[in-house]
């Protein structure tokens, strides 16, 4: 039995011996640049054998086809005279069975063919459309450039895509010709298009909606009969998705159903989960530890009304806010908002308990988010050891815009906002206030970025003491001047206690370097003041910190040191969590 097993093993080894003696292939290319070498390598029949065994007869057959493969590989790049100048293949010697074949190729690309004439014929009515005009102007290769056929194909496709996106659904190329003279190394490109009739957008039908008929028509950004536009279709998709009513939105134009060049559009939607609950723990040195919870009703009725309730319970801050929204979808995404909010704040400089009511209109305006309405605020407060009580009725307008590719961690982006308030004779005191803030983030390198931030404000008021803390300006804290406690910078009363100011001016610069994909360090310098009149006094601090990019945004742990301030000295710890913009 043992002898039979030995004979089987010997026969198996003898059978496998020729296979084990075969080898893989290494190709070395010289004489041309990396891009052309990669093209040649991709076209070689030898390439798939880089990690496979090749017998000697196979190698002879594979190598024989190399000159033709080199020529064909480089023709699309404009090199019609490419040739294999010298080449060889040999089997490396050694004692092991997995020896390699080494193939050496020295290639001469030759003189490239260049475009000497580029003729693009597009009818004037189509060429006047911005997208089509840009695609035609961007067509490459241009006159004088090497004839790169991949660029030619992409440019031709871009022109056709632009035509179809603007409603020329029957567009076709009537001429697409490349005339190559290999003797003179010249090429002539001739292209002509017949756009055909320009289609228009028709009525939209909705399927799967939970709302009254006609409500979703407000989201449609075109009128029946306007020219077909891929951008308009995308805008409809974005509006419906952004409304937060649906788990699924599909926008499908139906050109086969077109009548008199008018294309109907079918939209299919599926309702999202109607009620959303949220809860979480939080910590910040400005607010202390706490929890937050909320409930949001995506729609209350068949007219699309919304409601949300949010609460926060922290050591130094407690809030509750209820808001009722009546959307008025359209070009400006308008909505009417009514709400009530309660605040209980206890900082190192003030204590306040206030109830607020708000009614405003919000809308998009030239790319900005805007709102305008009335606010009512009433409550008790203590600032700098002095008790106060006020009731204010004032108008408030806001304008804001932000831009950043990734809201969790912005590499390049910015945000600006402005808020204006004005209270009149129905208030405890008349006042006018303007507040501005901005943030700019710029990536200096793949692992480095700089963050610049600025805040400014001004108040004109009859009786400053009648303003509650939330309408006064303070500086200091996690998102103000680090190195100082929250709201500990500002004008002081006779007892030396901070009472806030009429004006604000703060600037900050932070440099971050990430030594791991999600871990980094920071250096920062902050400065500014909350002040009255022109009595600005610089409060400045420097420091360092640690960064961790969490799923909800950067976690920042900063250590700040005030410079030359008799009211503040030593190390100050600041912890904050959340997006930069």
Protein backbone atom coordinates (compact mmCIF):
# COMPACT_ATOMS: atom_id res chain seq x y z
CA UNK A 1 0.00 0.00 0.00
CA UNK A 2 2.87 2.35 0.91
CA UNK A 3 4.70 1.46 -2.31
CA UNK A 4 1.65 2.29 -4.43
CA UNK A 5 1.34 5.70 -2.72
CA UNK A 6 5.01 6.44 -3.41
CA UNK A 7 4.60 5.59 -7.11
CA UNK A 8 1.53 7.89 -7.38
CA UNK A 9 3.47 10.74 -5.75
CA UNK A 10 6.43 10.24 -8.12
CA UNK A 11 4.18 10.24 -11.20
CA UNK A 12 2.48 13.44 -9.95
CA UNK A 13 5.79 15.22 -9.46
CA UNK A 14 7.00 14.19 -12.92
CA UNK A 15 3.75 15.47 -14.41
CA UNK A 16 4.05 18.81 -12.65
CA UNK A 17 7.75 19.25 -13.40
CA UNK A 18 7.31 21.06 -16.76
CA UNK A 19 4.78 23.44 -15.19
CA UNK A 20 7.03 24.19 -12.25
CA UNK A 21 9.87 24.93 -14.67
CA UNK A 22 7.85 27.65 -16.39
CA UNK A 23 8.34 31.28 -15.36
CA UNK A 24 6.61 34.67 -15.19
CA UNK A 25 7.44 37.71 -17.36
CA UNK A 26 8.98 41.07 -16.51
CA UNK A 27 8.79 43.76 -19.21
CA UNK A 28 11.24 46.67 -19.20
CA UNK A 29 10.43 49.60 -21.53
CA UNK A 30 12.76 52.50 -22.39
CA UNK A 31 12.92 55.31 -24.92
CA UNK A 32 9.46 56.79 -24.27
CA UNK A 33 7.79 58.63 -21.39
CA UNK A 34 5.73 57.00 -18.63
CA UNK A 35 2.36 57.72 -20.21
CA UNK A 36 3.31 56.13 -23.53
CA UNK A 37 5.06 53.27 -21.77
CA UNK A 38 1.90 52.54 -19.82
CA UNK A 39 -0.10 52.52 -23.07
CA UNK A 40 2.33 50.07 -24.65
CA UNK A 41 2.33 47.84 -21.58
CA UNK A 42 -1.46 47.75 -21.55
CA UNK A 43 -1.55 46.66 -25.20
CA UNK A 44 1.07 43.93 -25.02
CA UNK A 45 -0.11 40.34 -25.13
CA UNK A 46 2.78 39.69 -22.72
CA UNK A 47 1.28 41.83 -19.96
CA UNK A 48 -1.25 39.28 -18.62
CA UNK A 49 1.68 36.91 -18.05
CA UNK A 50 3.40 39.18 -15.53
CA UNK A 51 2.32 36.79 -12.77
CA UNK A 52 1.77 33.66 -14.84
CA UNK A 53 4.01 30.90 -16.10
CA UNK A 54 5.16 31.05 -19.74
CA UNK A 55 6.83 28.25 -21.67
CA UNK A 56 9.60 28.98 -24.16
CA UNK A 57 7.44 28.30 -27.25
CA UNK A 58 4.78 30.62 -25.84
CA UNK A 59 7.39 33.32 -25.29
CA UNK A 60 8.55 33.13 -28.91
CA UNK A 61 4.98 33.54 -30.18
CA UNK A 62 4.21 36.39 -27.76
CA UNK A 63 7.41 38.30 -28.56
CA UNK A 64 6.83 38.01 -32.32
CA UNK A 65 3.70 40.19 -32.00
CA UNK A 66 5.42 42.95 -29.98
CA UNK A 67 6.39 45.31 -32.90
CA UNK A 68 2.82 45.42 -34.21
CA UNK A 69 1.41 45.88 -30.68
CA UNK A 70 3.78 48.80 -30.02
CA UNK A 71 2.68 50.57 -33.18
CA UNK A 72 -1.03 50.08 -32.47
CA UNK A 73 -0.66 51.16 -28.84
CA UNK A 74 0.84 54.55 -29.72
CA UNK A 75 -1.27 55.49 -32.73
CA UNK A 76 -4.16 56.81 -30.54
CA UNK A 77 -1.64 59.17 -28.92
CA UNK A 78 -0.60 60.64 -32.28
CA UNK A 79 2.51 58.54 -32.88
CA UNK A 80 1.90 56.72 -36.15
CA UNK A 81 5.56 55.95 -36.81
CA UNK A 82 6.42 54.28 -33.51
CA UNK A 83 8.69 51.29 -33.79
CA UNK A 84 10.63 48.81 -31.73
CA UNK A 85 14.26 49.85 -32.12
CA UNK A 86 15.79 47.07 -30.10
CA UNK A 87 14.46 44.29 -27.96
CA UNK A 88 15.23 40.96 -26.48
CA UNK A 89 13.94 38.34 -24.15
CA UNK A 90 15.91 36.00 -22.02
CA UNK A 91 15.39 33.59 -19.26
CA UNK A 92 17.09 34.40 -16.01
CA UNK A 93 19.37 31.64 -14.78
CA UNK A 94 19.08 30.25 -11.29
CA UNK A 95 18.59 27.21 -9.22
CA UNK A 96 14.92 27.64 -8.41
CA UNK A 97 12.01 26.53 -10.55
CA UNK A 98 10.30 29.93 -10.56
CA UNK A 99 12.81 31.76 -12.72
CA UNK A 100 11.63 34.86 -14.65
CA UNK A 101 11.61 35.86 -18.26
CA UNK A 102 13.00 39.35 -18.76
CA UNK A 103 11.76 41.24 -21.85
CA UNK A 104 13.61 44.43 -22.78
CA UNK A 105 12.03 46.85 -25.24
CA UNK A 106 13.62 50.06 -26.50
CA UNK A 107 11.01 52.05 -28.41
CA UNK A 108 11.27 55.12 -30.64
CA UNK A 109 7.98 57.03 -30.68
CA UNK A 110 8.95 58.98 -33.75
CA UNK A 111 7.56 62.35 -34.86
CA UNK A 112 4.03 62.90 -33.60
CA UNK A 113 1.16 63.82 -35.88
CA UNK A 114 -0.16 67.28 -35.07
CA UNK A 115 -3.49 68.88 -35.81
CA UNK A 116 -3.04 71.46 -38.56
CA UNK A 117 -6.72 72.32 -39.03
CA UNK A 118 -9.76 72.01 -36.78
CA UNK A 119 -13.15 72.58 -38.42
CA UNK A 120 -16.16 72.53 -36.10
CA UNK A 121 -19.50 73.32 -37.74
CA UNK A 122 -22.32 74.05 -35.28
CA UNK A 123 -25.52 75.91 -36.28
CA UNK A 124 -25.75 79.40 -34.80
CA UNK A 125 -28.97 78.83 -32.84
CA UNK A 126 -27.36 75.98 -30.89
CA UNK A 127 -23.98 77.67 -30.59
CA UNK A 128 -25.48 80.66 -28.80
CA UNK A 129 -26.42 78.47 -25.83
CA UNK A 130 -23.75 78.90 -23.09
CA UNK A 131 -23.21 75.18 -22.40
CA UNK A 132 -22.89 74.30 -26.09
CA UNK A 133 -20.65 77.29 -26.71
CA UNK A 134 -18.35 76.26 -23.84
CA UNK A 135 -18.16 72.66 -25.07
CA UNK A 136 -17.25 73.74 -28.61
CA UNK A 137 -14.67 76.27 -27.40
CA UNK A 138 -13.13 73.66 -25.10
CA UNK A 139 -12.78 71.09 -27.91
CA UNK A 140 -9.36 69.45 -27.92
CA UNK A 141 -6.94 68.73 -29.44
CA UNK A 142 -6.58 72.26 -30.76
CA UNK A 143 -4.64 73.32 -33.82
CA UNK A 144 -0.93 72.69 -33.25
CA UNK A 145 -1.49 70.02 -30.59
CA UNK A 146 -0.59 66.35 -30.91
CA UNK A 147 -3.46 64.25 -32.22
CA UNK A 148 -4.67 62.54 -29.05
CA UNK A 149 -7.67 60.46 -30.07
CA UNK A 150 -8.88 59.94 -26.48
CA UNK A 151 -9.17 63.72 -26.05
CA UNK A 152 -10.94 63.93 -29.39
CA UNK A 153 -13.50 61.33 -28.33
CA UNK A 154 -14.16 62.97 -24.95
CA UNK A 155 -14.57 66.39 -26.56
CA UNK A 156 -16.99 65.03 -29.14
CA UNK A 157 -19.03 63.37 -26.39
CA UNK A 158 -19.03 66.60 -24.34
CA UNK A 159 -20.50 68.58 -27.24
CA UNK A 160 -23.21 65.98 -27.79
CA UNK A 161 -24.02 65.92 -24.06
CA UNK A 162 -24.33 69.72 -24.02
CA UNK A 163 -26.71 69.65 -26.99
CA UNK A 164 -28.94 67.02 -25.42
CA UNK A 165 -28.90 68.71 -22.00
CA UNK A 166 -30.30 71.87 -23.63
CA UNK A 167 -33.11 70.10 -25.43
CA UNK A 168 -31.62 68.95 -28.72
CA UNK A 169 -32.61 65.36 -28.05
CA UNK A 170 -32.31 64.32 -31.71
CA UNK A 171 -28.86 65.85 -32.21
CA UNK A 172 -26.39 63.88 -34.30
CA UNK A 173 -22.97 64.32 -35.84
CA UNK A 174 -23.30 64.56 -39.63
CA UNK A 175 -19.53 64.56 -40.10
CA UNK A 176 -16.79 63.23 -37.87
CA UNK A 177 -13.57 62.81 -39.74
CA UNK A 178 -9.87 62.74 -38.91
CA UNK A 179 -7.66 62.88 -42.02
CA UNK A 180 -4.11 61.80 -41.14
CA UNK A 181 -1.10 62.22 -43.40
CA UNK A 182 1.62 60.08 -41.86
CA UNK A 183 4.21 61.29 -44.37
CA UNK A 184 3.87 64.95 -43.35
CA UNK A 185 2.75 64.20 -39.76
CA UNK A 186 -0.35 66.32 -40.16
CA UNK A 187 -3.99 65.78 -39.29
CA UNK A 188 -7.19 67.61 -40.16
CA UNK A 189 -10.26 67.26 -37.92
CA UNK A 190 -13.67 67.94 -39.42
CA UNK A 191 -16.83 67.79 -37.33
CA UNK A 192 -20.36 68.94 -38.07
CA UNK A 193 -23.55 68.57 -36.08
CA UNK A 194 -27.23 68.65 -36.95
CA UNK A 195 -28.96 69.56 -33.66
CA UNK A 196 -32.46 69.02 -34.98
CA UNK A 197 -35.49 70.61 -33.28
CA UNK A 198 -35.22 71.86 -29.71
CA UNK A 199 -37.60 70.12 -27.34
CA UNK A 200 -39.54 71.73 -24.50
CA UNK A 201 -40.51 70.67 -21.01
CA UNK A 202 -44.08 69.68 -20.37
CA UNK A 203 -46.35 68.91 -17.44
CA UNK A 204 -45.16 66.94 -14.43
CA UNK A 205 -47.15 64.06 -12.99
CA UNK A 206 -46.43 62.85 -9.44
CA UNK A 207 -46.91 59.32 -8.17
CA UNK A 208 -46.70 58.19 -4.54
CA UNK A 209 -47.20 61.61 -2.91
CA UNK A 210 -48.88 61.96 0.50
CA UNK A 211 -49.97 65.57 -0.19
CA UNK A 212 -52.99 67.26 -1.71
CA UNK A 213 -52.99 67.48 -5.52
CA UNK A 214 -51.09 70.51 -6.69
CA UNK A 215 -48.82 70.92 -3.64
CA UNK A 216 -45.78 69.35 -5.27
CA UNK A 217 -46.33 71.39 -8.43
CA UNK A 218 -44.89 74.31 -6.45
CA UNK A 219 -41.51 72.60 -6.58
CA UNK A 220 -41.42 72.50 -10.40
CA UNK A 221 -38.91 75.15 -11.58
CA UNK A 222 -40.30 75.56 -15.10
CA UNK A 223 -43.48 76.46 -16.89
CA UNK A 224 -44.94 74.15 -19.50
CA UNK A 225 -43.48 75.08 -22.86
CA UNK A 226 -40.09 76.32 -21.65
CA UNK A 227 -37.12 74.82 -23.42
CA UNK A 228 -35.93 71.43 -22.19
CA UNK A 229 -33.09 71.70 -19.68
CA UNK A 230 -31.21 68.99 -17.85
CA UNK A 231 -30.36 71.58 -15.19
CA UNK A 232 -34.07 72.22 -14.58
CA UNK A 233 -34.70 68.49 -14.13
CA UNK A 234 -31.81 68.27 -11.68
CA UNK A 235 -33.12 71.30 -9.81
CA UNK A 236 -36.51 69.62 -9.40
CA UNK A 237 -34.78 66.51 -8.04
CA UNK A 238 -32.78 68.60 -5.56
CA UNK A 239 -35.82 70.60 -4.41
CA UNK A 240 -37.88 67.51 -3.71
CA UNK A 241 -35.00 65.79 -1.94
CA UNK A 242 -34.14 68.88 0.08
CA UNK A 243 -37.74 69.28 1.26
CA UNK A 244 -37.13 66.25 3.52
CA UNK A 245 -40.53 64.73 2.80
CA UNK A 246 -39.39 61.70 0.82
CA UNK A 247 -37.15 58.67 1.17
CA UNK A 248 -36.95 58.29 -2.61
CA UNK A 249 -37.30 60.71 -5.52
CA UNK A 250 -37.07 59.73 -9.20
CA UNK A 251 -37.42 62.34 -11.95
CA UNK A 252 -37.86 60.79 -15.39
CA UNK A 253 -38.35 62.79 -18.59
CA UNK A 254 -40.27 60.81 -21.21
CA UNK A 255 -39.14 61.95 -24.66
CA UNK A 256 -40.87 58.99 -26.34
CA UNK A 257 -44.17 60.38 -25.09
CA UNK A 258 -43.45 63.85 -26.49
CA UNK A 259 -46.17 65.60 -28.47
CA UNK A 260 -45.31 68.64 -30.60
CA UNK A 261 -41.78 68.54 -29.13
CA UNK A 262 -43.11 68.86 -25.55
CA UNK A 263 -41.64 66.25 -23.20
CA UNK A 264 -43.77 65.15 -20.22
CA UNK A 265 -41.99 64.41 -16.95
CA UNK A 266 -42.94 61.64 -14.53
CA UNK A 267 -41.89 61.90 -10.89
CA UNK A 268 -42.13 58.99 -8.49
CA UNK A 269 -41.74 59.62 -4.74
CA UNK A 270 -41.94 57.51 -1.60
CA UNK A 271 -42.68 59.12 1.79
CA UNK A 272 -39.91 59.19 4.36
CA UNK A 273 -40.42 58.20 7.98
CA UNK A 274 -42.86 60.80 9.24
CA UNK A 275 -41.48 61.38 12.77
CA UNK A 276 -37.79 61.63 13.59
CA UNK A 277 -36.43 61.48 17.13
CA UNK A 278 -32.95 62.52 18.18
CA UNK A 279 -31.00 62.43 21.44
CA UNK A 280 -27.39 62.69 22.51
CA UNK A 281 -24.88 63.75 25.09
CA UNK A 282 -22.78 66.89 24.73
CA UNK A 283 -19.92 68.66 26.37
CA UNK A 284 -18.32 72.04 25.86
CA UNK A 285 -16.37 74.21 28.22
CA UNK A 286 -18.79 77.05 27.47
CA UNK A 287 -21.90 75.05 28.38
CA UNK A 288 -20.65 72.18 30.51
CA UNK A 289 -21.91 68.60 30.24
CA UNK A 290 -25.46 67.94 29.16
CA UNK A 291 -27.94 66.13 26.98
CA UNK A 292 -30.04 67.23 24.04
CA UNK A 293 -33.16 65.72 22.55
CA UNK A 294 -35.56 66.56 19.79
CA UNK A 295 -38.54 65.40 17.83
CA UNK A 296 -39.27 66.50 14.28
CA UNK A 297 -42.47 65.95 12.33
CA UNK A 298 -41.55 65.96 8.64
CA UNK A 299 -45.15 66.77 7.73
CA UNK A 300 -48.17 67.45 9.92
CA UNK A 301 -50.87 67.44 7.28
CA UNK A 302 -51.51 67.03 3.58
CA UNK A 303 -50.40 70.64 2.98
CA UNK A 304 -46.80 69.92 3.99
CA UNK A 305 -46.69 71.85 7.26
CA UNK A 306 -43.82 70.91 9.60
CA UNK A 307 -43.06 71.09 13.32
CA UNK A 308 -40.00 70.54 15.50
CA UNK A 309 -39.26 70.58 19.22
CA UNK A 310 -35.66 70.72 20.48
CA UNK A 311 -34.43 70.75 24.08
CA UNK A 312 -31.01 71.09 25.65
CA UNK A 313 -30.16 70.53 29.31
CA UNK A 314 -26.57 71.40 30.21
CA UNK A 315 -24.82 72.58 33.35
CA UNK A 316 -24.80 76.23 32.35
CA UNK A 317 -27.39 76.33 29.59
CA UNK A 318 -30.97 75.07 29.25
CA UNK A 319 -33.11 75.73 26.21
CA UNK A 320 -36.35 74.59 24.61
CA UNK A 321 -37.56 75.65 21.19
CA UNK A 322 -40.77 74.85 19.32
CA UNK A 323 -41.18 75.88 15.69
CA UNK A 324 -44.09 75.50 13.26
CA UNK A 325 -43.30 75.90 9.54
CA UNK A 326 -45.62 76.50 6.60
CA UNK A 327 -43.59 75.87 3.43
CA UNK A 328 -44.33 77.82 0.27
CA UNK A 329 -42.17 75.96 -2.28
CA UNK A 330 -41.03 77.83 -5.34
CA UNK A 331 -38.08 79.56 -6.92
CA UNK A 332 -37.03 81.08 -3.59
CA UNK A 333 -37.94 78.15 -1.29
CA UNK A 334 -40.06 80.44 0.87
CA UNK A 335 -41.56 79.45 4.24
CA UNK A 336 -43.46 81.07 7.10
CA UNK A 337 -42.14 80.18 10.55
CA UNK A 338 -43.75 80.61 13.98
CA UNK A 339 -42.03 79.62 17.16
CA UNK A 340 -41.49 79.93 20.88
CA UNK A 341 -38.27 79.47 22.81
CA UNK A 342 -37.23 79.39 26.44
CA UNK A 343 -33.70 80.03 27.71
CA UNK A 344 -32.05 79.59 31.10
CA UNK A 345 -28.40 80.63 30.91
CA UNK A 346 -25.90 80.76 33.76
CA UNK A 347 -22.39 81.94 32.84
CA UNK A 348 -19.48 83.35 34.77
CA UNK A 349 -20.79 86.87 34.11
CA UNK A 350 -24.60 86.62 33.85
CA UNK A 351 -27.76 84.71 34.61
CA UNK A 352 -30.88 85.04 32.49
CA UNK A 353 -34.29 83.41 32.10
CA UNK A 354 -36.23 84.57 29.07
CA UNK A 355 -39.17 83.54 26.90
CA UNK A 356 -39.18 84.43 23.24
CA UNK A 357 -41.74 84.39 20.43
CA UNK A 358 -40.85 84.62 16.76
CA UNK A 359 -42.70 84.98 13.47
CA UNK A 360 -40.74 85.32 10.26
CA UNK A 361 -40.50 84.56 6.61
CA UNK A 362 -37.46 82.67 5.32
CA UNK A 363 -36.38 82.32 1.71
CA UNK A 364 -33.42 81.88 -0.63
CA UNK A 365 -32.15 85.15 -2.09
CA UNK A 366 -29.37 85.22 -4.68
CA UNK A 367 -27.77 82.15 -3.19
CA UNK A 368 -28.13 83.37 0.40
CA UNK A 369 -30.45 82.07 3.12
CA UNK A 370 -32.46 84.99 4.43
CA UNK A 371 -35.17 85.69 6.96
CA UNK A 372 -37.19 88.68 8.08
CA UNK A 373 -39.73 88.92 10.86
CA UNK A 374 -40.67 89.98 14.37
CA UNK A 375 -39.27 88.77 17.69
CA UNK A 376 -40.64 89.26 21.18
CA UNK A 377 -38.37 88.67 24.18
CA UNK A 378 -39.22 89.01 27.86
CA UNK A 379 -37.58 87.88 31.07
CA UNK A 380 -35.36 88.46 34.07
CA UNK A 381 -31.60 88.57 34.18
CA UNK A 382 -28.62 89.35 36.39
CA UNK A 383 -25.48 90.85 34.83
CA UNK A 384 -22.49 91.95 36.91
CA UNK A 385 -24.51 91.56 40.09
CA UNK A 386 -27.24 93.92 38.84
CA UNK A 387 -30.84 92.70 38.39
CA UNK A 388 -32.82 93.54 35.29
CA UNK A 389 -36.11 92.87 33.58
CA UNK A 390 -37.19 93.85 30.10
CA UNK A 391 -39.71 93.17 27.39
CA UNK A 392 -38.60 93.80 23.82
CA UNK A 393 -40.45 93.70 20.53
CA UNK A 394 -38.13 94.08 17.57
CA UNK A 395 -37.72 93.34 13.91
CA UNK A 396 -34.94 90.97 12.91
CA UNK A 397 -33.42 90.24 9.50
CA UNK A 398 -30.67 87.74 8.71
CA UNK A 399 -28.59 86.82 5.69
CA UNK A 400 -26.16 83.94 5.46
CA UNK A 401 -24.29 81.70 3.07
CA UNK A 402 -21.81 78.87 3.39
CA UNK A 403 -19.78 76.83 0.96
CA UNK A 404 -17.87 73.64 1.69
CA UNK A 405 -17.68 70.25 -0.01
CA UNK A 406 -17.79 68.10 3.13
CA UNK A 407 -19.86 69.49 6.02
CA UNK A 408 -18.22 67.15 8.54
CA UNK A 409 -14.64 68.18 7.71
CA UNK A 410 -14.21 71.14 5.36
CA UNK A 411 -10.88 71.33 3.53
CA UNK A 412 -11.72 74.46 1.58
CA UNK A 413 -14.76 76.59 2.29
CA UNK A 414 -16.23 79.66 3.86
CA UNK A 415 -19.28 80.99 5.65
CA UNK A 416 -20.63 84.50 6.20
CA UNK A 417 -23.67 85.78 8.06
CA UNK A 418 -25.23 89.06 9.05
CA UNK A 419 -28.04 89.79 11.53
CA UNK A 420 -29.79 93.11 12.02
CA UNK A 421 -32.25 94.00 14.79
CA UNK A 422 -34.31 97.10 15.54
CA UNK A 423 -36.68 97.67 18.49
CA UNK A 424 -38.97 100.67 18.88
CA UNK A 425 -41.48 102.31 21.23
CA UNK A 426 -43.22 99.03 22.18
CA UNK A 427 -40.01 97.84 23.85
CA UNK A 428 -38.53 98.64 27.25
CA UNK A 429 -35.80 100.40 25.33
CA UNK A 430 -35.29 101.34 21.69
CA UNK A 431 -32.24 99.83 20.07
CA UNK A 432 -30.62 98.96 16.77
CA UNK A 433 -28.02 96.23 16.38
CA UNK A 434 -25.88 94.72 13.64
CA UNK A 435 -23.77 91.55 13.98
CA UNK A 436 -21.43 90.07 11.37
CA UNK A 437 -19.31 86.94 11.36
CA UNK A 438 -17.27 85.02 8.85
CA UNK A 439 -15.06 81.94 8.60
CA UNK A 440 -12.58 81.00 5.88
CA UNK A 441 -10.90 77.58 5.61
CA UNK A 442 -8.08 76.83 3.21
CA UNK A 443 -6.07 73.65 2.69
CA UNK A 444 -2.36 74.40 2.49
CA UNK A 445 -1.35 70.76 1.87
CA UNK A 446 -3.06 67.35 2.00
CA UNK A 447 -2.66 67.27 5.79
CA UNK A 448 -2.61 70.97 6.63
CA UNK A 449 -5.21 73.71 6.71
CA UNK A 450 -5.64 77.23 8.04
CA UNK A 451 -8.85 78.59 9.60
CA UNK A 452 -9.48 82.33 9.82
CA UNK A 453 -12.46 83.66 11.72
CA UNK A 454 -13.84 87.10 12.47
CA UNK A 455 -16.78 88.58 14.41
CA UNK A 456 -17.97 92.17 14.56
CA UNK A 457 -20.98 93.91 16.04
CA UNK A 458 -22.39 97.30 16.94
CA UNK A 459 -25.37 98.42 19.05
CA UNK A 460 -27.14 101.77 19.34
CA UNK A 461 -29.40 101.75 22.40
CA UNK A 462 -31.19 104.26 24.66
CA UNK A 463 -30.86 102.26 27.89
CA UNK A 464 -28.09 99.65 27.77
CA UNK A 465 -29.14 98.20 31.13
CA UNK A 466 -32.48 97.17 29.59
CA UNK A 467 -30.78 94.78 27.15
CA UNK A 468 -30.74 91.13 28.31
CA UNK A 469 -27.38 89.30 28.09
CA UNK A 470 -28.18 87.64 24.77
CA UNK A 471 -28.44 91.07 23.11
CA UNK A 472 -25.17 92.36 24.58
CA UNK A 473 -21.74 91.61 23.18
CA UNK A 474 -19.22 89.52 25.12
CA UNK A 475 -15.93 87.96 24.06
CA UNK A 476 -14.06 84.91 25.30
CA UNK A 477 -14.74 81.19 24.98
CA UNK A 478 -14.41 78.23 22.67
CA UNK A 479 -15.51 80.08 19.53
CA UNK A 480 -14.32 83.53 20.50
CA UNK A 481 -11.02 84.31 22.23
CA UNK A 482 -9.60 81.04 23.51
CA UNK A 483 -7.53 81.47 26.64
CA UNK A 484 -10.41 83.36 28.27
CA UNK A 485 -13.51 81.91 29.89
CA UNK A 486 -16.89 82.07 28.19
CA UNK A 487 -18.14 85.69 28.03
CA UNK A 488 -15.46 86.95 30.45
CA UNK A 489 -14.18 89.71 28.17
CA UNK A 490 -16.04 93.02 28.01
CA UNK A 491 -16.65 96.33 29.77
CA UNK A 492 -16.79 96.14 33.58
CA UNK A 493 -18.93 97.94 36.15
CA UNK A 494 -17.76 99.75 39.28
CA UNK A 495 -17.37 96.41 41.07
CA UNK A 496 -15.04 95.15 38.35
CA UNK A 497 -17.60 92.65 36.97
CA UNK A 498 -18.10 92.12 33.24
CA UNK A 499 -21.44 93.48 32.02
CA UNK A 500 -21.02 93.21 28.25
CA UNK A 501 -20.62 95.90 25.63
CA UNK A 502 -22.26 97.69 22.77
CA UNK A 503 -19.62 96.70 20.23
CA UNK A 504 -17.59 93.62 19.32
CA UNK A 505 -14.47 92.97 17.30
CA UNK A 506 -12.76 89.54 17.41
CA UNK A 507 -10.35 87.76 15.07
CA UNK A 508 -8.82 84.29 15.15
CA UNK A 509 -6.24 82.29 13.19
CA UNK A 510 -5.71 78.54 13.56
CA UNK A 511 -3.19 76.27 11.83
CA UNK A 512 -3.87 72.53 11.83
CA UNK A 513 -1.58 69.64 10.86
CA UNK A 514 -2.86 66.05 10.74
CA UNK A 515 -0.18 63.45 11.48
CA UNK A 516 -2.76 60.66 11.00
CA UNK A 517 -5.84 60.65 8.74
CA UNK A 518 -8.14 61.61 11.65
CA UNK A 519 -5.73 62.96 14.27
CA UNK A 520 -3.97 66.29 14.25
CA UNK A 521 -2.49 69.15 16.26
CA UNK A 522 -3.22 72.86 16.12
CA UNK A 523 -1.62 76.22 16.87
CA UNK A 524 -3.78 79.31 17.25
CA UNK A 525 -3.77 83.03 18.01
CA UNK A 526 -6.97 84.87 19.00
CA UNK A 527 -7.61 88.48 19.84
CA UNK A 528 -10.28 91.12 20.19
CA UNK A 529 -12.62 92.84 22.61
CA UNK A 530 -16.22 93.62 23.51
CA UNK A 531 -16.33 97.35 24.23
CA UNK A 532 -18.28 100.60 24.35
CA UNK A 533 -17.72 103.54 22.02
CA UNK A 534 -14.11 103.60 20.87
CA UNK A 535 -12.66 102.13 24.08
CA UNK A 536 -11.29 99.05 22.33
CA UNK A 537 -8.69 97.20 24.38
CA UNK A 538 -6.94 94.24 22.79
CA UNK A 539 -7.24 90.93 24.61
CA UNK A 540 -5.05 88.34 22.98
CA UNK A 541 -4.13 84.74 23.56
CA UNK A 542 -2.07 82.01 21.94
CA UNK A 543 -2.21 78.28 22.36
CA UNK A 544 -2.13 74.78 20.98
CA UNK A 545 -4.59 71.93 20.66
CA UNK A 546 -5.46 68.41 19.61
CA UNK A 547 -7.89 67.48 16.82
CA UNK A 548 -9.91 64.35 16.09
CA UNK A 549 -12.23 64.09 13.09
CA UNK A 550 -15.28 62.32 14.50
CA UNK A 551 -18.40 61.24 12.55
CA UNK A 552 -20.20 64.41 13.74
CA UNK A 553 -17.36 66.81 13.00
CA UNK A 554 -14.01 67.81 14.50
CA UNK A 555 -13.47 67.38 18.22
CA UNK A 556 -11.25 70.25 19.41
CA UNK A 557 -9.26 70.25 22.64
CA UNK A 558 -7.42 73.57 22.98
CA UNK A 559 -5.15 75.07 25.62
CA UNK A 560 -4.97 78.87 25.57
CA UNK A 561 -2.71 81.37 27.32
CA UNK A 562 -3.76 85.03 27.70
CA UNK A 563 -1.01 87.55 27.00
CA UNK A 564 -0.47 90.59 29.21
CA UNK A 565 -3.90 90.71 30.88
CA UNK A 566 -4.20 91.48 34.58
CA UNK A 567 -7.70 89.96 34.72
CA UNK A 568 -6.73 86.61 33.16
CA UNK A 569 -3.62 84.49 33.32
CA UNK A 570 -2.52 80.86 33.24
CA UNK A 571 -3.78 77.93 31.22
CA UNK A 572 -7.38 77.73 29.96
CA UNK A 573 -8.91 74.51 28.59
CA UNK A 574 -11.44 74.64 25.73
CA UNK A 575 -13.35 71.64 24.36
CA UNK A 576 -15.79 71.93 21.47
CA UNK A 577 -17.42 69.50 19.05
CA UNK A 578 -19.07 70.07 15.70
CA UNK A 579 -18.58 71.32 12.14
CA UNK A 580 -16.26 74.25 11.43
CA UNK A 581 -18.86 76.06 9.29
